[in-house]
Structure formats: C-alpha cells, structure tokens
Protein backbone atom coordinates (compact mmCIF):
# COMPACT_ATOMS: atom_id res chain seq x y z
CA MET A 1 24.73 57.99 11.27
CA ALA A 2 24.56 54.78 9.24
CA THR A 3 22.69 52.69 11.82
CA GLU A 4 20.01 55.26 12.56
CA GLN A 5 16.94 55.41 10.37
CA GLU A 6 14.03 57.77 10.75
CA ILE A 7 12.80 56.88 14.22
CA GLY A 8 9.06 56.99 14.79
CA ARG A 9 6.76 55.89 17.58
CA GLY A 10 8.45 53.04 19.46
CA SER A 11 10.47 52.13 16.39
CA GLN A 12 13.80 50.40 16.42
CA ALA A 13 16.95 52.38 15.82
CA ARG A 14 18.99 49.34 14.77
CA PRO A 15 18.44 45.80 13.50
CA THR A 16 17.39 43.37 16.18
CA ALA A 17 19.50 40.48 17.33
CA PRO A 18 17.83 37.22 18.27
CA ARG A 19 16.76 36.94 21.90
CA ALA A 20 18.26 40.28 22.90
CA ARG A 21 15.97 42.46 24.94
CA PRO A 22 15.99 46.09 23.85
CA ILE A 23 17.08 49.23 25.60
CA LEU A 24 14.25 51.75 25.76
CA VAL A 25 15.45 55.32 25.27
CA VAL A 26 12.99 58.09 26.10
CA GLU A 27 14.61 61.21 24.64
CA ASP A 28 13.21 64.14 22.66
CA ASN A 29 16.46 65.92 21.78
CA PRO A 30 17.75 64.69 18.38
CA MET A 31 21.37 65.64 19.17
CA ASP A 32 21.35 63.81 22.52
CA LEU A 33 19.75 60.78 20.86
CA ASP A 34 22.40 60.84 18.13
CA PHE A 35 25.19 61.10 20.77
CA LEU A 36 23.68 58.15 22.61
CA LEU A 37 23.35 55.96 19.50
CA GLN A 38 26.90 56.85 18.40
CA ALA A 39 28.24 56.01 21.84
CA PHE A 40 26.36 52.68 21.82
CA ALA A 41 28.00 51.87 18.48
CA GLU A 42 31.43 53.02 19.69
CA HIS A 43 31.22 50.77 22.76
CA GLY A 44 29.73 47.77 20.99
CA VAL A 45 26.28 47.81 22.57
CA LEU A 46 24.46 45.23 20.46
CA ASN A 47 21.02 45.27 22.06
CA PRO A 48 18.32 46.78 19.87
CA VAL A 49 17.22 50.28 20.82
CA GLN A 50 13.59 51.31 21.08
CA VAL A 51 13.04 55.07 21.03
CA CYS A 52 10.15 57.12 22.38
CA ARG A 53 10.44 60.85 21.65
CA ASP A 54 8.09 62.13 24.35
CA GLY A 55 6.48 61.04 27.58
CA GLU A 56 3.16 60.21 25.95
CA GLU A 57 4.89 57.76 23.57
CA ALA A 58 6.70 56.22 26.53
CA LEU A 59 3.44 55.67 28.42
CA GLU A 60 1.91 54.10 25.30
CA PHE A 61 4.94 51.79 25.01
CA ILE A 62 4.65 50.80 28.68
CA ALA A 63 0.94 50.04 28.29
CA ALA A 64 1.61 47.95 25.16
CA HIS A 65 4.20 45.76 26.95
CA PRO A 66 2.60 44.66 30.23
CA THR A 67 3.89 41.09 30.61
CA PRO A 68 7.29 39.70 31.63
CA ASP A 69 7.29 37.16 28.77
CA ASP A 70 7.15 39.94 26.14
CA ALA A 71 10.39 39.68 24.16
CA THR A 72 10.34 43.45 23.59
CA LEU A 73 10.13 44.28 27.29
CA PRO A 74 13.28 46.37 27.76
CA LEU A 75 16.35 45.28 29.65
CA LEU A 76 16.92 48.91 30.66
CA VAL A 77 15.18 52.27 30.30
CA LEU A 78 17.20 55.47 29.77
CA LEU A 79 14.81 58.30 30.62
CA ASP A 80 15.16 62.04 30.09
CA LEU A 81 13.16 64.20 32.50
CA ARG A 82 12.55 67.21 30.26
CA LEU A 83 10.07 65.72 27.79
CA PRO A 84 7.19 67.16 25.77
CA LYS A 85 3.58 66.16 26.48
CA VAL A 86 4.30 64.18 29.68
CA ASP A 87 7.48 64.80 31.69
CA GLY A 88 9.90 62.06 32.72
CA ILE A 89 8.92 62.20 36.39
CA GLU A 90 5.32 61.34 35.46
CA VAL A 91 6.51 58.55 33.13
CA LEU A 92 8.55 57.12 36.00
CA ARG A 93 5.64 57.49 38.45
CA GLN A 94 3.24 55.63 36.18
CA ALA A 95 5.76 52.94 35.23
CA ARG A 96 6.52 52.21 38.88
CA GLN A 97 2.81 51.60 39.54
CA HIS A 98 2.83 48.65 37.12
CA PRO A 99 3.91 45.31 38.67
CA VAL A 100 6.16 44.36 35.72
CA TRP A 101 7.59 47.81 34.98
CA LYS A 102 8.46 48.50 38.61
CA GLN A 103 11.12 45.79 38.27
CA ILE A 104 12.77 47.15 35.12
CA PRO A 105 15.85 49.28 35.76
CA PHE A 106 15.33 52.97 34.99
CA VAL A 107 18.31 55.29 34.61
CA VAL A 108 17.54 58.99 34.38
CA VAL A 109 19.87 60.71 31.89
CA THR A 110 19.04 64.42 31.97
CA THR A 111 20.43 67.94 32.04
CA SER A 112 18.84 68.71 35.41
CA ARG A 113 21.00 68.94 38.53
CA GLU A 114 18.08 70.30 40.55
CA ASN A 115 17.78 68.67 43.96
CA VAL A 116 14.01 68.49 43.63
CA ASP A 117 14.33 66.43 40.41
CA ILE A 118 16.96 64.13 41.89
CA SER A 119 14.97 63.58 45.09
CA ARG A 120 11.69 63.01 43.27
CA ALA A 121 13.26 60.54 40.82
CA TYR A 122 14.72 58.46 43.66
CA GLU A 123 11.46 58.66 45.64
CA LEU A 124 9.71 57.17 42.60
CA GLY A 125 12.19 54.32 42.29
CA VAL A 126 14.76 55.36 39.72
CA ASN A 127 17.80 53.08 39.84
CA SER A 128 20.35 55.71 38.85
CA TYR A 129 20.46 59.43 38.06
CA ILE A 130 23.04 60.76 35.58
CA VAL A 131 23.50 64.36 34.46
CA LYS A 132 24.16 64.45 30.71
CA PRO A 133 27.68 65.53 29.77
CA VAL A 134 27.77 68.28 27.17
CA ASP A 135 30.53 66.91 24.92
CA PHE A 136 30.67 63.62 23.05
CA PRO A 137 33.81 62.11 24.65
CA ALA A 138 32.33 62.55 28.14
CA PHE A 139 28.94 61.27 26.93
CA ALA A 140 30.62 58.19 25.41
CA GLU A 141 32.39 57.54 28.71
CA VAL A 142 29.04 57.60 30.54
CA VAL A 143 27.63 55.13 28.00
CA LYS A 144 30.63 52.87 28.57
CA HIS A 145 29.85 52.79 32.30
CA ILE A 146 26.16 52.17 31.61
CA LYS A 147 27.11 49.25 29.37
CA PHE A 148 29.48 47.65 31.86
CA TYR A 149 27.16 47.95 34.81
CA TRP A 150 23.60 47.72 33.49
CA LEU A 151 24.17 45.46 30.48
CA LEU A 152 27.04 43.23 31.59
CA THR A 153 27.20 43.15 35.40
CA ASN A 154 23.63 43.65 36.61
CA GLU A 155 21.28 40.64 36.71
CA PRO A 156 18.06 41.79 35.00
CA PRO A 157 14.57 40.50 35.75
CA PHE A 158 12.34 38.39 33.49
CA SER A 159 14.72 36.48 31.27
CA GLU A 160 16.25 33.04 31.43
CA SER A 161 18.97 34.13 29.01
CA ASN A 162 19.04 37.60 30.67
CA GLY A 163 18.44 39.22 27.26
CA ARG A 164 22.03 40.41 27.08
CA LEU A 165 24.14 40.95 24.02
CA ALA A 166 26.30 43.93 24.94
C-alpha cells in the first residue's frame, strides 16, 4: 500500500495533517492492519494513524501521552483483544485507570464473539465492541460506520477544534 511505510513502535502510518488528532490502532495482525489502513484510505479518513503492534507498546504509548493538551493524544482508539505480550483487556483496564485516557473513546475490533470478552470489555468501559469481518468489503463497511460516528458525529474530549479531519 502506497501510504503505509514500515510501522514501528508508535510510528505514524501516514503523513500528519495540522491540528488533527490521530487514531490509535492497537493491532498485531499485519493483514488486519493493512485492511484497516486501506479502508481508511477508501473512505477518506484523513486523521493520522498511530500504530502499536502489541499490548506492551500500547501501554508505553498511553504512559507517554498523559495530558489532555498533548496534540498526539488520540481522538479514538481501535483495540484488538488478542495481542502479544499484554492482551487488549489488560490494555483497556490500565487505560481506564488513567484520568485522561478514561475519557478517550475505545472501540474493540476483534475476532472474538465470546460473551466473556464482550462482558469484560464493557465492564472496563469500552465504548463499542465490533467483531472483525473476514472479507475486505465488509471490513470497509465497518470502517465507514466508524468514520461517520466516531470521527464525524461524536463530540470528542480535549480539543477546541475537536481534532477532526475525517
């Protein structure tokens, strides 16, 4: 994909736009990440994308961005549950203990339909739980809905300009 470079720890997947808050994607599966980035491009999501490839990276990112005036504090977090090192449920639990991060919208995007995962995610304060579609057209449709609700309709915390570009 032309817009994706080699993505390392907390790196950006696309060029940044001025004043746009990023979307944090916590995803270890390269194919799912590629689907997501392609769907963002297809639906004109212009916000920069920060990527963490495991739960440990995500916790490091959270710790490095503790204040609401941080321009790289994400507008939205898309979180997989099945992550190496630290699972998504633990990432969510720790994020929700932080006064700033407990206000940031978290959307779980995962393969798990297990009731225990769904219940635990909502108990810990997830804002939405989406089971990943297996084919690209369905995945792109999910991204379209995420864009319209979370990036265009929802009023996010911590930004006078709302950090929107999408």
